[in-house]
Every structure is written in structure tokens, then in C-alpha cells.
C-alpha atoms as a PDB file:
ATOM      1  CA  MET A   1     108.817  89.958  89.621  1.00  0.00           C
ATOM      2  CA  ALA A   2     105.635  90.219  87.589  1.00  0.00           C
ATOM      3  CA  ARG A   3     102.604  92.453  87.363  1.00  0.00           C
ATOM      4  CA  GLY A   4      99.778  91.176  89.585  1.00  0.00           C
ATOM      5  CA  GLN A   5     102.073  89.157  91.847  1.00  0.00           C
ATOM      6  CA  GLU A   6     101.134  89.243  95.518  1.00  0.00           C
ATOM      7  CA  TYR A   7     103.675  89.499  98.330  1.00  0.00           C
ATOM      8  CA  PRO A   8     103.531  88.931 102.094  1.00  0.00           C
ATOM      9  CA  SER A   9     103.031  91.878 104.397  1.00  0.00           C
ATOM     10  CA  GLU A  10     106.145  93.783 105.464  1.00  0.00           C
ATOM     11  CA  ARG A  11     104.355  95.924 108.043  1.00  0.00           C
ATOM     12  CA  GLN A  12     105.609  96.964 111.440  1.00  0.00           C
ATOM     13  CA  PHE A  13     103.716  98.989 114.054  1.00  0.00           C
ATOM     14  CA  PHE A  14     105.245 101.429 116.509  1.00  0.00           C
ATOM     15  CA  VAL A  15     104.541 104.673 118.355  1.00  0.00           C
ATOM     16  CA  ASP A  16     106.459 107.924 117.842  1.00  0.00           C
ATOM     17  CA  ASP A  17     108.339 108.294 121.107  1.00  0.00           C
ATOM     18  CA  LYS A  18     107.969 112.092 121.176  1.00  0.00           C
ATOM     19  CA  THR A  19     104.390 112.686 119.973  1.00  0.00           C
ATOM     20  CA  GLY A  20     102.684 109.381 120.788  1.00  0.00           C
ATOM     21  CA  VAL A  21     101.322 109.090 117.240  1.00  0.00           C
ATOM     22  CA  ASN A  22     100.781 105.576 115.889  1.00  0.00           C
ATOM     23  CA  ILE A  23     103.007 104.747 112.915  1.00  0.00           C
ATOM     24  CA  THR A  24     102.765 101.880 110.428  1.00  0.00           C
ATOM     25  CA  LYS A  25     105.917 100.970 108.544  1.00  0.00           C
ATOM     26  CA  LEU A  26     104.544  99.659 105.240  1.00  0.00           C
ATOM     27  CA  THR A  27     107.714  98.408 103.516  1.00  0.00           C
ATOM     28  CA  ALA A  28     110.803  96.513 104.650  1.00  0.00           C
ATOM     29  CA  PHE A  29     112.325  94.963 101.523  1.00  0.00           C
ATOM     30  CA  PRO A  30     116.106  95.643 101.483  1.00  0.00           C
ATOM     31  CA  THR A  31     116.181  98.010  98.533  1.00  0.00           C
ATOM     32  CA  VAL A  32     114.990 101.578  97.900  1.00  0.00           C
ATOM     33  CA  ASN A  33     111.265 101.941  98.651  1.00  0.00           C
ATOM     34  CA  SER A  34     109.750 105.380  98.179  1.00  0.00           C
ATOM     35  CA  LYS A  35     106.370 107.094  98.241  1.00  0.00           C
ATOM     36  CA  PHE A  36     105.258 109.175  95.284  1.00  0.00           C
ATOM     37  CA  TYR A  37     106.215 112.849  95.197  1.00  0.00           C
ATOM     38  CA  PHE A  38     104.172 114.865  97.680  1.00  0.00           C
ATOM     39  CA  HIS A  39     101.747 116.476  95.194  1.00  0.00           C
ATOM     40  CA  ILE A  40     101.071 113.288  93.185  1.00  0.00           C
ATOM     41  CA  ASN A  41      97.938 111.287  94.014  1.00  0.00           C
ATOM     42  CA  ALA A  42      98.933 107.847  95.303  1.00  0.00           C
ATOM     43  CA  PHE A  43      95.749 106.794  97.157  1.00  0.00           C
ATOM     44  CA  THR A  44      92.455 105.226  96.207  1.00  0.00           C
ATOM     45  CA  PRO A  45      89.545 107.525  97.168  1.00  0.00           C
ATOM     46  CA  ASP A  46      88.487 105.313 100.088  1.00  0.00           C
ATOM     47  CA  SER A  47      91.932 105.874 101.683  1.00  0.00           C
ATOM     48  CA  LYS A  48      92.351 102.104 102.048  1.00  0.00           C
ATOM     49  CA  THR A  49      95.110 101.581  99.470  1.00  0.00           C
ATOM     50  CA  LEU A  50      98.171 103.503  98.335  1.00  0.00           C
ATOM     51  CA  VAL A  51     100.940 102.911  95.816  1.00  0.00           C
ATOM     52  CA  PHE A  52     104.699 103.307  96.116  1.00  0.00           C
ATOM     53  CA  LYS A  53     107.878 102.815  94.077  1.00  0.00           C
ATOM     54  CA  SER A  54     110.451 100.132  94.713  1.00  0.00           C
ATOM     55  CA  TYR A  55     113.852  99.497  93.153  1.00  0.00           C
ATOM     56  CA  ARG A  56     114.242  95.999  91.738  1.00  0.00           C
ATOM     57  CA  TYR A  57     117.855  95.729  92.838  1.00  0.00           C
ATOM     58  CA  ALA A  58     120.217  97.450  95.253  1.00  0.00           C
ATOM     59  CA  GLN A  59     122.034  99.312  92.511  1.00  0.00           C
ATOM     60  CA  ARG A  60     121.879 102.930  91.394  1.00  0.00           C
ATOM     61  CA  ASP A  61     120.609 102.281  87.864  1.00  0.00           C
ATOM     62  CA  SER A  62     117.978  99.739  88.899  1.00  0.00           C
ATOM     63  CA  GLU A  63     114.604  99.672  87.178  1.00  0.00           C
ATOM     64  CA  VAL A  64     111.721 100.858  89.361  1.00  0.00           C
ATOM     65  CA  ASP A  65     108.381  99.083  89.781  1.00  0.00           C
ATOM     66  CA  VAL A  66     105.159 100.352  91.311  1.00  0.00           C
ATOM     67  CA  PHE A  67     103.386  98.368  94.030  1.00  0.00           C
ATOM     68  CA  LYS A  68     100.152  98.862  95.902  1.00  0.00           C
ATOM     69  CA  VAL A  69      99.578  98.110  99.579  1.00  0.00           C
ATOM     70  CA  ASN A  70      96.624  98.545 101.906  1.00  0.00           C
ATOM     71  CA  THR A  71      96.952 101.144 104.636  1.00  0.00           C
ATOM     72  CA  ASP A  72      96.789  98.334 107.225  1.00  0.00           C
ATOM     73  CA  GLY A  73     100.006  96.964 105.707  1.00  0.00           C
ATOM     74  CA  ARG A  74      98.396  93.974 104.007  1.00  0.00           C
ATOM     75  CA  GLY A  75      97.608  93.296 100.343  1.00  0.00           C
ATOM     76  CA  MET A  76     100.938  94.123  98.715  1.00  0.00           C
ATOM     77  CA  VAL A  77     100.711  93.598  94.940  1.00  0.00           C
ATOM     78  CA  GLN A  78     103.064  94.546  92.105  1.00  0.00           C
ATOM     79  CA  LEU A  79     101.368  96.819  89.548  1.00  0.00           C
ATOM     80  CA  THR A  80     104.064  97.338  86.890  1.00  0.00           C
ATOM     81  CA  ASP A  81     106.802  95.259  85.312  1.00  0.00           C
ATOM     82  CA  SER A  82     107.603  97.399  82.271  1.00  0.00           C
ATOM     83  CA  PRO A  83     110.957  99.168  81.840  1.00  0.00           C
ATOM     84  CA  ASN A  84     111.224 102.935  82.290  1.00  0.00           C
ATOM     85  CA  VAL A  85     107.976 103.423  84.222  1.00  0.00           C
ATOM     86  CA  ARG A  86     107.729 107.181  84.753  1.00  0.00           C
ATOM     87  CA  GLY A  87     105.109 109.729  85.758  1.00  0.00           C
ATOM     88  CA  ALA A  88     102.952 107.232  87.650  1.00  0.00           C
ATOM     89  CA  ILE A  89      99.769 108.502  89.310  1.00  0.00           C
ATOM     90  CA  VAL A  90      96.578 106.915  90.649  1.00  0.00           C
ATOM     91  CA  SER A  91      93.356 108.136  89.030  1.00  0.00           C
ATOM     92  CA  TYR A  92      91.078 109.978  91.444  1.00  0.00           C
ATOM     93  CA  ASP A  93      88.385 107.329  91.008  1.00  0.00           C
ATOM     94  CA  GLY A  94      90.934 104.748  92.161  1.00  0.00           C
ATOM     95  CA  GLU A  95      90.448 102.482  89.151  1.00  0.00           C
ATOM     96  CA  TRP A  96      93.752 102.972  87.319  1.00  0.00           C
ATOM     97  CA  LEU A  97      97.447 103.596  87.669  1.00  0.00           C
ATOM     98  CA  TYR A  98      98.502 105.810  84.738  1.00  0.00           C
ATOM     99  CA  TYR A  99     102.111 106.243  83.613  1.00  0.00           C
ATOM    100  CA  VAL A 100     104.329 106.891  80.593  1.00  0.00           C
ATOM    101  CA  THR A 101     107.192 104.813  79.236  1.00  0.00           C
ATOM    102  CA  ASP A 102     109.264 105.839  76.205  1.00  0.00           C
ATOM    103  CA  GLY A 103     106.445 107.951  74.775  1.00  0.00           C
ATOM    104  CA  GLN A 104     103.658 105.466  75.477  1.00  0.00           C
ATOM    105  CA  PHE A 105     100.794 106.598  77.713  1.00  0.00           C
ATOM    106  CA  ARG A 106      99.628 103.504  79.593  1.00  0.00           C
ATOM    107  CA  ARG A 107      97.343 102.367  82.384  1.00  0.00           C
ATOM    108  CA  VAL A 108      97.112  99.375  84.709  1.00  0.00           C
ATOM    109  CA  SER A 109      93.894  98.312  86.410  1.00  0.00           C
ATOM    110  CA  MET A 110      94.190  98.629  90.192  1.00  0.00           C
ATOM    111  CA  LYS A 111      91.867  95.607  90.536  1.00  0.00           C
ATOM    112  CA  THR A 112      92.526  93.158  87.677  1.00  0.00           C
ATOM    113  CA  TYR A 113      96.117  94.316  86.853  1.00  0.00           C
ATOM    114  CA  GLU A 114      95.356  94.266  83.147  1.00  0.00           C
ATOM    115  CA  GLU A 115      97.470  96.792  81.244  1.00  0.00           C
ATOM    116  CA  ASP A 116      96.942  98.635  77.975  1.00  0.00           C
ATOM    117  CA  THR A 117      98.472 101.465  75.952  1.00  0.00           C
ATOM    118  CA  ILE A 118      96.177 104.452  75.439  1.00  0.00           C
ATOM    119  CA  SER A 119      98.243 106.652  73.091  1.00  0.00           C
ATOM    120  CA  TYR A 120     101.774 107.537  72.023  1.00  0.00           C
ATOM    121  CA  LEU A 121     103.915 110.657  71.659  1.00  0.00           C
ATOM    122  CA  ASP A 122     107.111 110.159  69.689  1.00  0.00           C
ATOM    123  CA  ALA A 123     108.643 113.393  71.051  1.00  0.00           C
ATOM    124  CA  LEU A 124     109.016 112.020  74.598  1.00  0.00           C
ATOM    125  CA  THR A 125     112.114 110.254  75.909  1.00  0.00           C
ATOM    126  CA  SER A 126     112.133 107.920  78.910  1.00  0.00           C
ATOM    127  CA  ASP A 127     113.049 110.845  81.214  1.00  0.00           C
ATOM    128  CA  ALA A 128     109.633 111.898  82.520  1.00  0.00           C
ATOM    129  CA  GLU A 129     108.328 112.778  85.980  1.00  0.00           C
ATOM    130  CA  CYS A 130     105.833 114.880  87.955  1.00  0.00           C
ATOM    131  CA  ALA A 131     102.517 113.711  86.591  1.00  0.00           C
ATOM    132  CA  SER A 132      99.214 115.307  87.544  1.00  0.00           C
ATOM    133  CA  MET A 133      95.566 114.800  86.618  1.00  0.00           C
ATOM    134  CA  THR A 134      92.323 116.708  86.761  1.00  0.00           C
ATOM    135  CA  TYR A 135      89.919 115.535  89.460  1.00  0.00           C
ATOM    136  CA  ASP A 136      87.545 114.185  86.779  1.00  0.00           C
ATOM    137  CA  ASP A 137      90.354 111.918  85.460  1.00  0.00           C
ATOM    138  CA  GLN A 138      89.933 113.195  81.904  1.00  0.00           C
ATOM    139  CA  PHE A 139      93.407 114.673  81.400  1.00  0.00           C
ATOM    140  CA  TYR A 140      96.909 113.626  82.405  1.00  0.00           C
ATOM    141  CA  TYR A 141      99.889 115.999  82.318  1.00  0.00           C
ATOM    142  CA  VAL A 142     103.542 115.049  82.588  1.00  0.00           C
ATOM    143  CA  GLU A 143     106.856 116.847  82.207  1.00  0.00           C
ATOM    144  CA  ALA A 144     109.540 115.100  80.174  1.00  0.00           C
ATOM    145  CA  THR A 145     112.818 115.549  78.381  1.00  0.00           C
ATOM    146  CA  LEU A 146     112.089 115.720  74.661  1.00  0.00           C
ATOM    147  CA  LYS A 147     114.109 114.190  71.886  1.00  0.00           C
ATOM    148  CA  ASN A 148     115.099 117.708  70.754  1.00  0.00           C
ATOM    149  CA  GLY A 149     116.823 118.258  74.134  1.00  0.00           C
ATOM    150  CA  ASN A 150     114.253 120.632  75.605  1.00  0.00           C
ATOM    151  CA  ARG A 151     112.026 119.957  78.559  1.00  0.00           C
ATOM    152  CA  GLY A 152     108.359 119.777  77.680  1.00  0.00           C
ATOM    153  CA  ILE A 153     104.904 119.466  79.178  1.00  0.00           C
ATOM    154  CA  ALA A 154     102.733 116.816  77.529  1.00  0.00           C
ATOM    155  CA  ARG A 155      98.969 116.487  77.812  1.00  0.00           C
ATOM    156  CA  PHE A 156      97.141 113.209  77.245  1.00  0.00           C
ATOM    157  CA  SER A 157      93.407 112.622  77.388  1.00  0.00           C
ATOM    158  CA  THR A 158      92.528 109.374  79.104  1.00  0.00           C
ATOM    159  CA  ASP A 159      90.096 108.499  76.295  1.00  0.00           C
ATOM    160  CA  GLY A 160      93.039 108.365  73.881  1.00  0.00           C
ATOM    161  CA  LYS A 161      91.838 111.200  71.628  1.00  0.00           C
ATOM    162  CA  GLU A 162      94.512 113.762  72.590  1.00  0.00           C
ATOM    163  CA  ALA A 163      98.276 113.437  72.936  1.00  0.00           C
ATOM    164  CA  GLU A 164     100.475 116.477  72.420  1.00  0.00           C
ATOM    165  CA  VAL A 165     103.374 118.483  73.776  1.00  0.00           C
ATOM    166  CA  ILE A 166     101.789 121.788  74.747  1.00  0.00           C
ATOM    167  CA  PHE A 167     104.871 123.688  75.973  1.00  0.00           C
ATOM    168  CA  GLU A 168     108.654 123.549  75.661  1.00  0.00           C
ATOM    169  CA  HIS A 169     111.349 125.232  77.711  1.00  0.00           C
ATOM    170  CA  PRO A 170     114.964 124.436  78.616  1.00  0.00           C
ATOM    171  CA  ASP A 171     114.111 124.063  82.318  1.00  0.00           C
ATOM    172  CA  ILE A 172     110.788 122.692  83.626  1.00  0.00           C
ATOM    173  CA  THR A 173     110.167 120.925  86.934  1.00  0.00           C
ATOM    174  CA  HIS A 174     107.315 120.266  89.417  1.00  0.00           C
ATOM    175  CA  THR A 175     104.562 120.516  86.782  1.00  0.00           C
ATOM    176  CA  GLN A 176     100.990 120.421  88.122  1.00  0.00           C
ATOM    177  CA  CYS A 177      97.652 121.132  86.473  1.00  0.00           C
ATOM    178  CA  GLU A 178      94.994 123.023  88.427  1.00  0.00           C
ATOM    179  CA  PRO A 179      92.917 119.974  89.367  1.00  0.00           C
ATOM    180  CA  THR A 180      89.309 121.203  89.309  1.00  0.00           C
ATOM    181  CA  GLU A 181      89.178 122.469  85.709  1.00  0.00           C
ATOM    182  CA  GLY A 182      92.608 121.901  84.197  1.00  0.00           C
ATOM    183  CA  LYS A 183      92.567 125.319  82.535  1.00  0.00           C
ATOM    184  CA  VAL A 184      95.886 126.385  84.081  1.00  0.00           C
ATOM    185  CA  ILE A 185      99.136 124.446  84.414  1.00  0.00           C
ATOM    186  CA  ALA A 186     101.862 125.563  86.806  1.00  0.00           C
ATOM    187  CA  PHE A 187     105.520 124.601  86.761  1.00  0.00           C
ATOM    188  CA  GLN A 188     108.831 125.723  88.208  1.00  0.00           C
ATOM    189  CA  TYR A 189     111.882 127.336  86.705  1.00  0.00           C
ATOM    190  CA  GLY A 190     114.124 130.112  87.883  1.00  0.00           C
ATOM    191  CA  PRO A 191     114.199 132.087  90.068  1.00  0.00           C
ATOM    192  CA  ASP A 192     114.127 135.184  87.876  1.00  0.00           C
ATOM    193  CA  LYS A 193     115.470 138.633  88.896  1.00  0.00           C
ATOM    194  CA  HIS A 194     112.340 139.176  91.014  1.00  0.00           C
ATOM    195  CA  ASN A 195     112.877 135.858  92.819  1.00  0.00           C
ATOM    196  CA  ARG A 196     109.772 134.310  91.250  1.00  0.00           C
ATOM    197  CA  ASN A 197     109.981 130.644  90.301  1.00  0.00           C
ATOM    198  CA  ILE A 198     106.388 129.444  89.798  1.00  0.00           C
ATOM    199  CA  TRP A 199     105.083 130.012  86.274  1.00  0.00           C
ATOM    200  CA  LEU A 200     101.669 129.537  84.737  1.00  0.00           C
ATOM    201  CA  ILE A 201     100.405 128.658  81.265  1.00  0.00           C
ATOM    202  CA  ASP A 202      96.936 128.058  79.855  1.00  0.00           C
ATOM    203  CA  ARG A 203      95.927 124.500  79.004  1.00  0.00           C
ATOM    204  CA  ASP A 204      96.989 124.954  75.357  1.00  0.00           C
ATOM    205  CA  GLY A 205     100.482 126.067  76.407  1.00  0.00           C
ATOM    206  CA  SER A 206      99.925 129.769  75.738  1.00  0.00           C
ATOM    207  CA  ASN A 207     100.033 132.872  77.952  1.00  0.00           C
ATOM    208  CA  LEU A 208     103.204 132.249  79.953  1.00  0.00           C
ATOM    209  CA  ARG A 209     103.246 134.423  83.094  1.00  0.00           C
ATOM    210  CA  PRO A 210     104.693 134.304  86.617  1.00  0.00           C
ATOM    211  CA  LEU A 211     102.869 133.826  89.864  1.00  0.00           C
ATOM    212  CA  GLU A 212     103.845 136.900  91.877  1.00  0.00           C
ATOM    213  CA  LEU A 213     105.063 134.867  94.818  1.00  0.00           C
ATOM    214  CA  PRO A 214     108.768 135.443  95.521  1.00  0.00           C
ATOM    215  CA  TYR A 215     111.296 133.296  97.381  1.00  0.00           C
ATOM    216  CA  GLY A 216     109.578 129.956  96.916  1.00  0.00           C
ATOM    217  CA  ASN A 217     111.920 127.037  97.509  1.00  0.00           C
ATOM    218  CA  GLY A 218     110.469 125.081  94.585  1.00  0.00           C
ATOM    219  CA  HIS A 219     108.196 122.886  96.722  1.00  0.00           C
ATOM    220  CA  TRP A 220     104.571 123.834  96.204  1.00  0.00           C
ATOM    221  CA  MET A 221     101.103 122.481  95.418  1.00  0.00           C
ATOM    222  CA  TRP A 222      97.639 123.640  94.350  1.00  0.00           C
ATOM    223  CA  LEU A 223      95.643 124.131  97.578  1.00  0.00           C
ATOM    224  CA  GLY A 224      92.812 121.664  96.928  1.00  0.00           C
ATOM    225  CA  GLY A 225      90.132 123.179  94.714  1.00  0.00           C
ATOM    226  CA  SER A 226      90.733 126.757  95.890  1.00  0.00           C
ATOM    227  CA  LYS A 227      92.758 127.687  92.765  1.00  0.00           C
ATOM    228  CA  ARG A 228      95.404 129.057  95.116  1.00  0.00           C
ATOM    229  CA  ILE A 229      98.958 127.744  95.353  1.00  0.00           C
ATOM    230  CA  MET A 230     100.728 126.952  98.630  1.00  0.00           C
ATOM    231  CA  SER A 231     104.504 127.272  98.538  1.00  0.00           C
ATOM    232  CA  ASN A 232     107.252 126.592 101.018  1.00  0.00           C
ATOM    233  CA  LEU A 233     109.701 129.494 101.167  1.00  0.00           C
ATOM    234  CA  GLU A 234     113.471 129.655 101.100  1.00  0.00           C
ATOM    235  CA  LYS A 235     115.250 129.126 104.416  1.00  0.00           C
ATOM    236  CA  GLU A 236     115.887 132.868 104.829  1.00  0.00           C
ATOM    237  CA  TYR A 237     112.122 133.538 104.516  1.00  0.00           C
ATOM    238  CA  GLN A 238     110.903 130.700 106.711  1.00  0.00           C
ATOM    239  CA  GLY A 239     107.284 129.697 106.304  1.00  0.00           C
ATOM    240  CA  ILE A 240     104.525 128.634 103.947  1.00  0.00           C
ATOM    241  CA  ALA A 241     102.735 131.211 101.812  1.00  0.00           C
ATOM    242  CA  VAL A 242      99.525 130.901  99.773  1.00  0.00           C
ATOM    243  CA  MET A 243      98.562 132.937  96.729  1.00  0.00           C
ATOM    244  CA  ALA A 244      96.168 132.959  93.779  1.00  0.00           C
ATOM    245  CA  GLU A 245      97.061 134.457  90.428  1.00  0.00           C
ATOM    246  CA  LEU A 246      95.047 137.674  90.800  1.00  0.00           C
ATOM    247  CA  GLU A 247      95.763 138.315  94.460  1.00  0.00           C
ATOM    248  CA  GLU A 248      97.927 141.339  95.246  1.00  0.00           C
ATOM    249  CA  ALA A 249     100.229 139.656  97.761  1.00  0.00           C
ATOM    250  CA  PRO A 250     100.907 136.220  99.249  1.00  0.00           C
ATOM    251  CA  GLU A 251      99.243 135.260 102.514  1.00  0.00           C
ATOM    252  CA  MET A 252     101.519 133.772 105.172  1.00  0.00           C
ATOM    253  CA  PHE A 253     100.010 130.712 106.844  1.00  0.00           C
ATOM    254  CA  VAL A 254     102.843 129.621 109.120  1.00  0.00           C
ATOM    255  CA  ASN A 255     106.407 130.693 109.841  1.00  0.00           C
ATOM    256  CA  GLY A 256     109.212 130.195 112.322  1.00  0.00           C
ATOM    257  CA  GLU A 257     110.543 126.964 110.819  1.00  0.00           C
ATOM    258  CA  HIS A 258     112.256 126.009 107.598  1.00  0.00           C
ATOM    259  CA  TYR A 259     109.312 124.122 106.164  1.00  0.00           C
ATOM    260  CA  TRP A 260     110.784 122.081 103.347  1.00  0.00           C
ATOM    261  CA  HIS A 261     108.205 119.996 101.436  1.00  0.00           C
ATOM    262  CA  GLY A 262     104.607 121.012 102.025  1.00  0.00           C
ATOM    263  CA  SER A 263     101.390 119.492 100.706  1.00  0.00           C
ATOM    264  CA  CYS A 264      97.687 119.738 101.457  1.00  0.00           C
ATOM    265  CA  SER A 265      94.542 117.674 101.844  1.00  0.00           C
ATOM    266  CA  MET A 266      92.179 117.449  98.873  1.00  0.00           C
ATOM    267  CA  ASP A 267      89.656 119.734 100.576  1.00  0.00           C
ATOM    268  CA  GLY A 268      92.337 122.365 101.221  1.00  0.00           C
ATOM    269  CA  GLN A 269      91.602 122.394 104.974  1.00  0.00           C
ATOM    270  CA  TRP A 270      94.933 120.942 106.070  1.00  0.00           C
ATOM    271  CA  MET A 271      98.610 121.294 105.260  1.00  0.00           C
ATOM    272  CA  VAL A 272     101.495 119.050 106.207  1.00  0.00           C
ATOM    273  CA  SER A 273     105.191 119.745 105.811  1.00  0.00           C
ATOM    274  CA  ASP A 274     108.520 118.283 106.782  1.00  0.00           C
ATOM    275  CA  THR A 275     111.270 120.547 108.134  1.00  0.00           C
ATOM    276  CA  ASN A 276     115.015 120.689 107.619  1.00  0.00           C
ATOM    277  CA  TRP A 277     118.134 122.626 108.654  1.00  0.00           C
ATOM    278  CA  PRO A 278     117.235 121.814 111.427  1.00  0.00           C
ATOM    279  CA  ASP A 279     114.796 118.898 111.262  1.00  0.00           C
ATOM    280  CA  HIS A 280     112.000 119.621 113.732  1.00  0.00           C
ATOM    281  CA  GLY A 281     109.671 116.895 112.520  1.00  0.00           C
ATOM    282  CA  ILE A 282     106.625 116.764 110.267  1.00  0.00           C
ATOM    283  CA  HIS A 283     104.124 119.530 111.067  1.00  0.00           C
ATOM    284  CA  ILE A 284     100.379 119.501 110.448  1.00  0.00           C
ATOM    285  CA  LEU A 285      98.427 122.774 110.060  1.00  0.00           C
ATOM    286  CA  ASN A 286      94.754 123.738 109.854  1.00  0.00           C
ATOM    287  CA  THR A 287      94.290 126.337 107.088  1.00  0.00           C
ATOM    288  CA  SER A 288      91.273 127.975 108.754  1.00  0.00           C
ATOM    289  CA  THR A 289      92.770 128.531 112.196  1.00  0.00           C
ATOM    290  CA  LYS A 290      96.444 128.456 111.113  1.00  0.00           C
ATOM    291  CA  LYS A 291      97.217 126.406 114.207  1.00  0.00           C
ATOM    292  CA  HIS A 292      99.925 123.783 113.794  1.00  0.00           C
ATOM    293  CA  ARG A 293     101.629 121.001 115.736  1.00  0.00           C
ATOM    294  CA  VAL A 294     104.340 118.411 115.207  1.00  0.00           C
ATOM    295  CA  LEU A 295     102.764 115.167 114.027  1.00  0.00           C
ATOM    296  CA  CYS A 296     105.804 112.881 114.142  1.00  0.00           C
ATOM    297  CA  TYR A 297     109.549 112.712 113.668  1.00  0.00           C
ATOM    298  CA  PRO A 298     110.679 110.797 110.563  1.00  0.00           C
ATOM    299  CA  ASN A 299     114.386 110.953 111.534  1.00  0.00           C
ATOM    300  CA  SER A 300     115.379 110.564 107.898  1.00  0.00           C
ATOM    301  CA  SER A 301     118.817 111.612 106.682  1.00  0.00           C
ATOM    302  CA  SER A 302     117.287 114.197 104.279  1.00  0.00           C
ATOM    303  CA  CYS A 303     120.342 114.199 102.043  1.00  0.00           C
ATOM    304  CA  HIS A 304     120.315 114.629  98.272  1.00  0.00           C
ATOM    305  CA  PRO A 305     118.523 111.445  97.050  1.00  0.00           C
ATOM    306  CA  GLN A 306     114.778 111.991  96.844  1.00  0.00           C
ATOM    307  CA  TRP A 307     113.955 108.851  98.795  1.00  0.00           C
ATOM    308  CA  THR A 308     115.674 110.334 101.874  1.00  0.00           C
ATOM    309  CA  HIS A 309     113.250 113.294 101.910  1.00  0.00           C
ATOM    310  CA  PRO A 310     110.063 112.695 103.957  1.00  0.00           C
ATOM    311  CA  HIS A 311     107.809 114.336 101.284  1.00  0.00           C
ATOM    312  CA  PRO A 312     104.686 113.977 103.501  1.00  0.00           C
ATOM    313  CA  SER A 313     101.206 113.887 101.976  1.00  0.00           C
ATOM    314  CA  PHE A 314      97.642 113.216 103.140  1.00  0.00           C
ATOM    315  CA  SER A 315      95.290 110.352 102.517  1.00  0.00           C
ATOM    316  CA  PRO A 316      92.024 111.499 100.837  1.00  0.00           C
ATOM    317  CA  ASP A 317      90.108 111.278 104.122  1.00  0.00           C
ATOM    318  CA  GLY A 318      92.698 113.520 105.792  1.00  0.00           C
ATOM    319  CA  LYS A 319      93.287 111.039 108.622  1.00  0.00           C
ATOM    320  CA  MET A 320      96.722 109.721 107.638  1.00  0.00           C
ATOM    321  CA  VAL A 321     100.024 111.130 106.423  1.00  0.00           C
ATOM    322  CA  VAL A 322     102.385 108.989 104.354  1.00  0.00           C
ATOM    323  CA  TYR A 323     106.102 109.805 104.336  1.00  0.00           C
ATOM    324  CA  ASN A 324     109.583 108.450 103.542  1.00  0.00           C
ATOM    325  CA  SER A 325     112.377 107.706 105.978  1.00  0.00           C
ATOM    326  CA  ASP A 326     115.737 105.957 105.799  1.00  0.00           C
ATOM    327  CA  VAL A 327     116.089 105.906 109.597  1.00  0.00           C
ATOM    328  CA  SER A 328     116.658 102.137 109.451  1.00  0.00           C
ATOM    329  CA  GLY A 329     119.482 102.568 106.932  1.00  0.00           C
ATOM    330  CA  ILE A 330     117.210 101.589 104.019  1.00  0.00           C
ATOM    331  CA  PRO A 331     114.579 103.928 102.528  1.00  0.00           C
ATOM    332  CA  ASN A 332     111.054 102.830 103.419  1.00  0.00           C
ATOM    333  CA  VAL A 333     107.470 104.096 103.399  1.00  0.00           C
ATOM    334  CA  TYR A 334     105.685 104.976 106.643  1.00  0.00           C
ATOM    335  CA  LEU A 335     102.124 105.968 107.528  1.00  0.00           C
ATOM    336  CA  ALA A 336     101.297 108.261 110.478  1.00  0.00           C
ATOM    337  CA  HIS A 337      97.753 107.980 111.853  1.00  0.00           C
ATOM    338  CA  ILE A 338      96.547 111.460 112.857  1.00  0.00           C
ATOM    339  CA  PRO A 339      94.765 111.387 116.255  1.00  0.00           C
ATOM    340  CA  ASP A 340      91.191 112.692 116.145  1.00  0.00           C
ATOM    341  CA  GLU A 341      91.901 114.834 119.196  1.00  0.00           C
ATOM    342  CA  LEU A 342      94.795 116.530 117.382  1.00  0.00           C
ATOM    343  CA  LEU A 343      92.562 117.383 114.425  1.00  0.00           C
ATOM    344  CA  ALA A 344      89.889 118.737 116.774  1.00  0.00           C
ATOM    345  CA  GLU A 345      92.406 120.801 118.749  1.00  0.00           C
ATOM    346  CA  LEU A 346      93.866 122.450 115.635  1.00  0.00           C
ATOM    347  CA  ALA A 347      90.406 123.162 114.182  1.00  0.00           C
ATOM    348  CA  GLN A 348      89.256 125.173 117.230  1.00  0.00           C
END
């Protein structure tokens, strides 16, 4: 397999038998295929193309490559062929796939498939994940295991002028920069004695402080450009709460289910979340009216491996939700097409 190689379509079309929503199965190759983590941008801005990860072989230590595919199921092309591709994310202008590998910060053109190295950080190992970028595509953040054994947050500028580890801690996961300005970076560790597990730092790594939102289950995302954070809550506190740093208390947006992995549209007007224990499908919610409905049923096993979790997320136009499912016995990537009438109903 080589960067820039094209492959035949693997698409399949069907209708969710409970909700009537049209579904496109985008992948069918008999190995692990998985969408990006729910808060990581994987779409081009026109919502016509998305990227996904695919194991090279059916073995647990297989290398992982990134592919792109059109949302109609055509145009599958391999984007990476390097070892240890980690922290992949599509730039918001749709021109580049950025990633790190063994300390190198690299990019691949989404159109010509040319690849180059932008900068290098010797402190980083190959264990890196959870990349995020500012909406202007100027800065890329990634969490990684450092050679000194700590976890760290690294910041790279896409012009190659900056590359540094801005923060170190023994336990860092789910790192995300606030996307409009990049002045605040949030990450997870804990919970502490007050049941807080979302923590904030300034862009230079200083001023560590908690977000006063207790009982988060570790699955959260910046709510578009609102500078608020939406967080799924622990099973005992079922729901999704939203909070900004200076607000006195979280605001509950939906409850009554164990919402598991929640994400939002870029404009912050919509949320989507899978459910578990029990699985009651993927729910879509309007943040203005707080009305919600089941969109579809992924029927995934939702066991420990990440590719069995639906991890739903929106296309930039807010008209599609991409998710994982291993309902066929092999993990694959699916796309649910949100009916216009459902969007209109929830917005009223």
C-alpha cells in the first residue's frame, strides 16, 4: 500500500430499520477500520470528503494508515504510508492532513498527496494521540508520551517556526485547544477529590486550573466557538452538561440516558451522542430548544477497543453523522444522513 494509491469503492447503502434514516457504509475491507476520535476534525469544509484510519493487517500490533473517502462512498485514496502515524487531523481549510511520527510534525496534501516534514521535537516518542487545531489552522496541539516518561502537550505552528512541549504531567488525555483563539487548552486527568476531571492551561502551559464541572465521564468537547465545554456525565449522573470557565454552575442540556461519547457541530447548534449500558442508539439534540431524538442504532459491541465505540461526530454542514460499528463482526465506518424534517422538528 502506498500514499496516493486509489482503491475501489466499498460502499453499501441501507436504511435503519427503526428510525428510517439512510445509512452509507463507507468501508468493508476485512481489517479494523475506524473513524477519528469524536472531537478531531476529519472532514473537508465542503462536507464532501472525510478521512479514517485502517489497520494494514488483521493483527493487534499492525501499523495504521489514513485514507480519505468521499461521503458518497467513492474516491477512496490512501493518504499515509509512514510508520507510527499518530495525532492525525484534517486542517479546517481542507488542504492538509497533519500528523506526528516519532517527533516529526508532518503534513500530506489532501489533493496531490505530496508529503513534507514541517518541524521536529526530540522529546516526543511515537505514542501520541488526540490532536487539535485552531480554526485558522495556525497551531496544532497533540498529547504524547515523552522520552522522560511523562505525558506532555506539544504545540507546533504550521509555518514551522514553533515546536515545543508546553506542559508535562504524569497523566494527560483528551487534549483539545479552544478552537477560535487557541488561548486555552483543556485536557483530562483525575477525577480529583471534588470529582473534577477537566483541566485548563493557558497557551504557554501556565495557569493550571480545573473546570468546575464535576462527574464528567472523560468524554467532552469545546462547544463550537462558544468557549463553553460540553461533557457527558458519569452513568450515575446521566446526561450532558455544558459549562464555561467563569460560569457558576453547569447547565444541563439533556438527561435520562447514559450518554457516552458526545460531540457537537462546528456552529454549536447541535449535539450528537451515543449511549451505553444500555445502548439506546445515537441521539441528536438541538442546543437551542434542547429537543432530542434517536438518529440511528449502530448496534456496535461497545466493548473496550476504541473501534467498537460509535464515537459519533458531525460533518461541517451538520447534515451527516459519521460513526463506528462492528455490527458485521469487523469494525467499519458508517455515515448517517440526517433527514431535513428531523432537523426542522428539533429546531422548533
